[in-house]
C-alpha cells in the first residue's frame, strides 16, 4: 500500500491554500505543459498571497520564454533563486527521474504532485487525472474550484494564456487522440475568457529557430523505415549535434520527422546528448500500441501514444536496435 494519499480536487485546494512559501518544480527537457502549468499555478498561489516561485533542473527553452517573460528570470536554483521554502509542489512530473537532480535535493520537501500521466512512480501525496489531456487541464479545473470557493476573484490573462498553451501543446494543437470533449470545452472557455490562441499557436507550432530547422533536416537524412514502413526511426549521434553546433533544445522536435511519414505506426528517435554511451529516446504511436509500456521496460514512461526513456548502449546503432526489438516484441 502506498504511503502517499490520493487527493480529491477539494482536498487539493485545501492543501494548496495553506500559507506556506512554495517552490513549484517540473520536469527536465520541459515542454509547454510543464512550464505553462507551473507558472499558472505560481500565479494562482500568489493571487492568494502565498509566495511561490518555479524551478527546474533545466532552463526554460527559448521557444517557451513567452510564458515566463516579465514573471521570473532563471528557474535554475543554483543561480539567483535561492529562496527558502516550506514546501515543494511538482507538476507534470510522473516520476522522480523526471525532476533530474532537483529530486535528490528536494525530495524531503515535496508536499504534493499534480500530474496527468497514466504511468509513473508516485512520490508524494497526489492529484493525478490520467483522463486529462494535459496537466494544464487540471490546473484549469483547480482555478475554477478556487473561484467557486471564493479563494480568488478572477482568472487573470497570465493564467488563461499559460493554461491554454499547456493544453494546446500536449494535444498537438488538438490533433492528438488525448483531446477529448472535456478538453475542447476547456479550450472554448479559455477562448471566451480571452486566451490569445493565434499568438500562442504560432509560438508553439509555427515558429522555429534556424538551428531547429537544421536539426530536423539532419534527422530527415538519418531516418530509417523498418518492417515494411510500419516503424520509423531517427538516430542523432553526438557527432552530428557537435558538427552542427546544436543544443539539446534544438533536437526536441526531431521526433516529428518520423511520425509524419504516411503509413508509420510507431516512430522513435534516439539522441546522444554527450559523447558518452548514454541515449535518450522519444517514442510516438499512431496505432493502438502502448509506447509507454515499451518505455517502461527502460525505466521511462508517459502516455499510451507519447512516451520516453533513457538507456545505455555501446553505440547509437545498438541503442536503436534495442528499442526496435522492444517495439517488435510489443507488436507481436
Protein backbone atom coordinates (compact mmCIF):
# COMPACT_ATOMS: atom_id res chain seq x y z
CA UNK A 1 0.00 0.00 0.00
CA UNK A 2 1.29 3.43 -0.94
CA UNK A 3 2.25 5.72 1.94
CA UNK A 4 1.05 8.67 -0.14
CA UNK A 5 -2.52 9.91 -0.22
CA UNK A 6 -4.70 10.25 -3.30
CA UNK A 7 -6.45 13.61 -3.05
CA UNK A 8 -9.78 14.87 -4.33
CA UNK A 9 -9.95 18.25 -6.04
CA UNK A 10 -11.41 19.80 -2.88
CA UNK A 11 -8.62 18.31 -0.78
CA UNK A 12 -6.04 19.53 -3.27
CA UNK A 13 -7.43 23.06 -3.00
CA UNK A 14 -7.32 22.87 0.80
CA UNK A 15 -3.67 21.86 0.73
CA UNK A 16 -2.74 24.49 -1.83
CA UNK A 17 -4.39 27.25 0.19
CA UNK A 18 -2.08 26.65 3.15
CA UNK A 19 0.03 29.77 3.67
CA UNK A 20 3.45 28.24 3.04
CA UNK A 21 6.28 29.52 0.90
CA UNK A 22 6.16 27.28 -2.14
CA UNK A 23 8.63 26.03 -4.71
CA UNK A 24 6.95 24.64 -7.83
CA UNK A 25 9.11 22.17 -9.77
CA UNK A 26 8.60 20.48 -13.11
CA UNK A 27 10.34 18.00 -15.37
CA UNK A 28 13.61 18.39 -17.25
CA UNK A 29 13.58 18.96 -21.03
CA UNK A 30 10.44 20.90 -20.31
CA UNK A 31 7.53 21.44 -22.68
CA UNK A 32 4.73 23.99 -22.66
CA UNK A 33 2.54 21.82 -20.45
CA UNK A 34 5.20 21.72 -17.73
CA UNK A 35 6.14 25.40 -17.96
CA UNK A 36 2.61 26.66 -18.52
CA UNK A 37 1.15 24.59 -15.68
CA UNK A 38 3.90 25.58 -13.24
CA UNK A 39 3.65 29.28 -13.95
CA UNK A 40 -0.16 29.26 -13.94
CA UNK A 41 -0.06 27.59 -10.52
CA UNK A 42 2.51 30.14 -9.35
CA UNK A 43 0.14 32.94 -10.33
CA UNK A 44 -2.82 31.30 -8.58
CA UNK A 45 -0.85 30.93 -5.35
CA UNK A 46 0.41 34.49 -5.48
CA UNK A 47 -3.16 35.71 -6.03
CA UNK A 48 -3.85 34.16 -2.59
CA UNK A 49 -0.80 35.98 -1.17
CA UNK A 50 1.18 32.74 -0.98
CA UNK A 51 4.83 33.33 -2.02
CA UNK A 52 5.77 30.98 -4.85
CA UNK A 53 8.47 30.56 -7.48
CA UNK A 54 9.16 27.92 -10.14
CA UNK A 55 12.28 25.80 -10.51
CA UNK A 56 13.64 23.18 -12.88
CA UNK A 57 16.94 21.39 -13.41
CA UNK A 58 16.94 22.85 -16.96
CA UNK A 59 16.50 26.45 -18.04
CA UNK A 60 13.25 27.40 -19.79
CA UNK A 61 13.69 26.68 -23.52
CA UNK A 62 13.96 29.81 -25.62
CA UNK A 63 10.80 28.99 -27.56
CA UNK A 64 8.78 28.89 -24.31
CA UNK A 65 10.06 32.05 -22.67
CA UNK A 66 6.96 33.91 -23.79
CA UNK A 67 5.30 32.08 -20.88
CA UNK A 68 7.77 33.39 -18.29
CA UNK A 69 8.87 36.81 -19.56
CA UNK A 70 8.20 39.52 -17.02
CA UNK A 71 7.38 36.98 -14.31
CA UNK A 72 10.60 35.25 -13.32
CA UNK A 73 14.10 35.14 -14.72
CA UNK A 74 16.09 31.95 -14.32
CA UNK A 75 14.46 28.79 -12.97
CA UNK A 76 17.80 27.26 -12.01
CA UNK A 77 18.15 27.02 -8.25
CA UNK A 78 21.94 27.28 -8.38
CA UNK A 79 21.61 30.79 -9.75
CA UNK A 80 19.64 33.62 -8.17
CA UNK A 81 16.71 31.53 -6.97
CA UNK A 82 17.88 30.52 -3.52
CA UNK A 83 14.56 31.18 -1.80
CA UNK A 84 13.91 29.40 1.46
CA UNK A 85 10.69 27.42 1.10
CA UNK A 86 8.30 25.47 3.32
CA UNK A 87 7.12 23.01 0.71
CA UNK A 88 7.65 21.80 -2.84
CA UNK A 89 4.88 21.05 -5.33
CA UNK A 90 5.68 19.13 -8.51
CA UNK A 91 3.65 19.47 -11.69
CA UNK A 92 3.59 17.35 -14.85
CA UNK A 93 6.30 15.03 -13.49
CA UNK A 94 5.26 11.38 -13.35
CA UNK A 95 8.37 10.00 -11.65
CA UNK A 96 11.35 11.19 -9.58
CA UNK A 97 13.74 10.72 -12.51
CA UNK A 98 11.87 13.36 -14.49
CA UNK A 99 12.84 16.01 -11.96
CA UNK A 100 16.52 15.38 -12.60
CA UNK A 101 19.00 16.49 -9.94
CA UNK A 102 16.33 18.53 -8.15
CA UNK A 103 14.70 15.38 -6.81
CA UNK A 104 17.76 14.43 -4.77
CA UNK A 105 18.00 17.94 -3.37
CA UNK A 106 14.32 18.48 -2.66
CA UNK A 107 12.56 15.14 -2.23
CA UNK A 108 12.21 15.56 1.55
CA UNK A 109 10.15 18.68 0.97
CA UNK A 110 7.82 17.53 -1.83
CA UNK A 111 4.36 18.01 -0.39
CA UNK A 112 2.19 17.46 -3.48
CA UNK A 113 2.39 16.16 -7.03
CA UNK A 114 -0.12 17.21 -9.69
CA UNK A 115 0.01 15.18 -12.89
CA UNK A 116 -1.92 13.62 -15.74
CA UNK A 117 0.34 10.76 -16.83
CA UNK A 118 -1.13 7.28 -16.75
CA UNK A 119 2.12 5.59 -15.78
CA UNK A 120 4.90 6.58 -13.45
CA UNK A 121 6.04 6.39 -9.83
CA UNK A 122 4.07 8.23 -7.15
CA UNK A 123 6.43 10.12 -4.81
CA UNK A 124 4.13 12.41 -2.78
CA UNK A 125 0.51 12.98 -1.87
CA UNK A 126 -1.06 13.47 -5.25
CA UNK A 127 -3.83 14.51 -7.56
CA UNK A 128 -3.40 12.53 -10.78
CA UNK A 129 -6.02 12.60 -13.51
CA UNK A 130 -4.96 10.37 -16.39
CA UNK A 131 -8.11 11.35 -18.30
CA UNK A 132 -6.89 14.94 -18.55
CA UNK A 133 -5.21 15.81 -21.83
CA UNK A 134 -2.57 17.86 -20.03
CA UNK A 135 -1.62 18.93 -16.55
CA UNK A 136 -2.79 22.36 -17.71
CA UNK A 137 -6.30 20.95 -17.89
CA UNK A 138 -6.05 20.02 -14.20
CA UNK A 139 -4.72 23.45 -13.29
CA UNK A 140 -7.69 24.99 -15.08
CA UNK A 141 -10.13 22.82 -13.10
CA UNK A 142 -8.23 23.81 -9.96
CA UNK A 143 -8.53 27.50 -10.84
CA UNK A 144 -12.28 27.14 -11.35
CA UNK A 145 -12.62 25.43 -7.97
CA UNK A 146 -10.68 28.25 -6.28
CA UNK A 147 -13.04 30.70 -7.97
CA UNK A 148 -16.06 28.73 -6.79
CA UNK A 149 -14.74 28.77 -3.23
CA UNK A 150 -14.03 32.50 -3.38
CA UNK A 151 -10.29 32.00 -2.81
CA UNK A 152 -9.56 34.04 -5.94
CA UNK A 153 -11.76 36.65 -7.58
CA UNK A 154 -10.82 36.26 -11.24
CA UNK A 155 -8.70 34.39 -13.77
CA UNK A 156 -6.04 36.84 -14.97
CA UNK A 157 -4.72 36.76 -18.55
CA UNK A 158 -1.44 35.12 -17.47
CA UNK A 159 -3.28 32.11 -16.03
CA UNK A 160 -5.62 31.88 -19.01
CA UNK A 161 -2.81 32.02 -21.58
CA UNK A 162 -0.48 29.70 -19.66
CA UNK A 163 -3.17 27.05 -19.26
CA UNK A 164 -4.24 27.35 -22.90
CA UNK A 165 -0.61 26.91 -24.04
CA UNK A 166 -0.23 23.87 -21.78
CA UNK A 167 -3.32 22.16 -23.17
CA UNK A 168 -2.61 23.14 -26.75
CA UNK A 169 0.96 21.82 -26.53
CA UNK A 170 0.13 18.39 -25.12
CA UNK A 171 -2.69 17.83 -27.61
CA UNK A 172 -0.60 18.89 -30.61
CA UNK A 173 -2.96 21.81 -31.23
CA UNK A 174 -5.90 19.46 -30.54
CA UNK A 175 -4.78 16.95 -33.19
CA UNK A 176 -3.89 14.07 -30.87
CA UNK A 177 -6.21 11.37 -29.54
CA UNK A 178 -5.92 12.71 -25.98
CA UNK A 179 -8.03 15.76 -26.94
CA UNK A 180 -11.43 14.83 -25.50
CA UNK A 181 -14.78 16.64 -25.43
CA UNK A 182 -13.75 17.87 -21.98
CA UNK A 183 -10.56 19.30 -23.50
CA UNK A 184 -12.46 21.20 -26.15
CA UNK A 185 -14.86 22.56 -23.53
CA UNK A 186 -11.86 23.80 -21.53
CA UNK A 187 -10.40 25.40 -24.66
CA UNK A 188 -13.70 27.07 -25.52
CA UNK A 189 -14.00 28.52 -22.02
CA UNK A 190 -10.42 29.78 -22.17
CA UNK A 191 -11.09 31.43 -25.53
CA UNK A 192 -14.21 33.07 -24.12
CA UNK A 193 -12.03 34.32 -21.25
CA UNK A 194 -9.63 35.92 -23.70
CA UNK A 195 -6.90 33.37 -24.44
CA UNK A 196 -4.62 34.66 -27.22
CA UNK A 197 -4.85 31.45 -29.23
CA UNK A 198 -3.42 32.69 -32.53
CA UNK A 199 -0.28 34.14 -30.96
CA UNK A 200 0.19 31.10 -28.72
CA UNK A 201 -0.28 28.62 -31.56
CA UNK A 202 2.27 30.47 -33.67
CA UNK A 203 4.81 30.40 -30.84
CA UNK A 204 4.27 26.70 -30.24
CA UNK A 205 3.85 25.31 -33.75
CA UNK A 206 4.84 27.80 -36.44
CA UNK A 207 7.98 29.44 -35.09
CA UNK A 208 11.32 27.59 -35.20
CA UNK A 209 14.90 28.72 -34.82
CA UNK A 210 17.28 28.19 -37.71
CA UNK A 211 19.15 25.59 -35.67
CA UNK A 212 15.95 23.70 -35.04
CA UNK A 213 15.30 23.58 -38.78
CA UNK A 214 18.87 22.34 -39.31
CA UNK A 215 18.30 19.62 -36.74
CA UNK A 216 15.11 18.48 -38.44
CA UNK A 217 16.90 18.40 -41.81
CA UNK A 218 19.66 16.22 -40.36
CA UNK A 219 17.05 13.99 -38.74
CA UNK A 220 15.27 13.51 -42.08
CA UNK A 221 18.55 12.49 -43.72
CA UNK A 222 19.17 9.90 -41.00
CA UNK A 223 15.66 8.43 -40.90
CA UNK A 224 15.16 4.70 -41.49
CA UNK A 225 11.99 2.70 -42.15
CA UNK A 226 11.55 -0.79 -40.73
CA UNK A 227 9.08 -3.65 -41.07
CA UNK A 228 7.58 -2.52 -44.34
CA UNK A 229 7.28 1.08 -43.20
CA UNK A 230 5.31 0.35 -40.04
CA UNK A 231 8.15 1.64 -37.84
CA UNK A 232 10.32 4.70 -38.47
CA UNK A 233 13.42 5.70 -36.53
CA UNK A 234 15.85 8.59 -36.35
CA UNK A 235 19.24 8.46 -34.68
CA UNK A 236 21.04 11.67 -33.75
CA UNK A 237 24.59 10.96 -32.52
CA UNK A 238 26.63 13.43 -30.55
CA UNK A 239 28.95 13.81 -33.55
CA UNK A 240 26.08 15.33 -35.59
CA UNK A 241 25.00 17.51 -32.71
CA UNK A 242 28.56 18.81 -32.30
CA UNK A 243 29.18 19.29 -36.03
CA UNK A 244 26.03 21.40 -36.41
CA UNK A 245 26.60 23.30 -33.13
CA UNK A 246 23.22 22.22 -31.79
CA UNK A 247 21.88 22.10 -28.26
CA UNK A 248 19.52 19.51 -26.79
CA UNK A 249 16.77 22.11 -27.07
CA UNK A 250 17.26 22.21 -30.85
CA UNK A 251 16.54 18.46 -31.03
CA UNK A 252 13.16 18.49 -29.30
CA UNK A 253 11.10 18.28 -32.49
CA UNK A 254 13.08 15.67 -34.43
CA UNK A 255 10.57 13.01 -33.37
CA UNK A 256 8.03 14.82 -35.58
CA UNK A 257 10.03 13.82 -38.67
CA UNK A 258 9.49 10.03 -38.49
CA UNK A 259 5.97 10.32 -37.04
CA UNK A 260 4.85 12.40 -40.04
CA UNK A 261 5.61 9.69 -42.63
CA UNK A 262 2.48 8.14 -44.14
CA UNK A 263 1.88 4.55 -43.05
CA UNK A 264 4.15 4.72 -40.00
CA UNK A 265 2.52 3.24 -36.89
CA UNK A 266 5.38 3.70 -34.41
CA UNK A 267 8.06 6.39 -34.57
CA UNK A 268 11.04 6.86 -32.31
CA UNK A 269 14.15 8.97 -32.05
CA UNK A 270 17.40 8.11 -30.31
CA UNK A 271 19.57 11.05 -29.26
CA UNK A 272 23.07 11.07 -27.77
CA UNK A 273 23.31 14.16 -25.53
CA UNK A 274 27.04 13.83 -24.81
CA UNK A 275 30.00 11.86 -26.06
CA UNK A 276 29.08 9.00 -23.73
CA UNK A 277 27.28 5.65 -24.22
CA UNK A 278 24.03 7.12 -22.93
CA UNK A 279 20.94 7.79 -25.07
CA UNK A 280 17.55 9.46 -24.76
CA UNK A 281 14.56 8.02 -26.59
CA UNK A 282 11.30 9.67 -27.62
CA UNK A 283 8.51 7.47 -28.95
CA UNK A 284 5.15 8.11 -30.62
CA UNK A 285 2.32 5.76 -31.54
CA UNK A 286 -0.14 6.29 -34.36
CA UNK A 287 -1.80 2.94 -33.59
CA UNK A 288 -3.18 1.11 -30.56
CA UNK A 289 0.28 0.05 -29.41
CA UNK A 290 1.07 1.49 -25.98
CA UNK A 291 4.51 3.09 -26.23
CA UNK A 292 4.50 3.96 -22.52
CA UNK A 293 4.63 0.20 -21.84
CA UNK A 294 7.65 -0.10 -24.15
CA UNK A 295 9.42 2.80 -22.44
CA UNK A 296 8.58 1.41 -19.00
CA UNK A 297 10.94 -1.50 -19.75
CA UNK A 298 13.77 1.01 -19.65
CA UNK A 299 12.61 2.95 -16.60
CA UNK A 300 10.67 5.53 -18.60
CA UNK A 301 7.01 6.15 -19.20
CA UNK A 302 4.47 8.70 -20.34
CA UNK A 303 1.27 8.25 -22.29
CA UNK A 304 -0.07 5.47 -24.49
CA UNK A 305 0.81 7.40 -27.65
CA UNK A 306 3.72 9.56 -26.44
CA UNK A 307 6.46 8.40 -24.11
CA UNK A 308 10.18 8.48 -23.48
CA UNK A 309 13.04 6.74 -21.73
CA UNK A 310 16.82 6.59 -21.45
CA UNK A 311 19.24 3.74 -21.85
CA UNK A 312 22.91 2.87 -22.01
CA UNK A 313 24.37 1.04 -25.01
CA UNK A 314 27.82 0.68 -26.65
CA UNK A 315 26.80 2.95 -29.54
CA UNK A 316 23.76 4.64 -31.04
CA UNK A 317 23.05 1.90 -33.59
CA UNK A 318 22.89 -0.71 -30.86
CA UNK A 319 20.62 1.59 -28.85
CA UNK A 320 18.37 1.85 -31.90
CA UNK A 321 18.30 -1.95 -32.27
CA UNK A 322 17.45 -2.41 -28.60
CA UNK A 323 14.45 -0.09 -28.90
CA UNK A 324 13.41 -1.59 -32.23
CA UNK A 325 13.46 -5.08 -30.72
CA UNK A 326 11.34 -3.94 -27.76
CA UNK A 327 8.76 -2.40 -30.12
CA UNK A 328 8.63 -5.55 -32.27
CA UNK A 329 8.05 -7.71 -29.20
CA UNK A 330 5.16 -5.50 -28.21
CA UNK A 331 3.69 -5.63 -31.73
CA UNK A 332 3.66 -9.42 -31.84
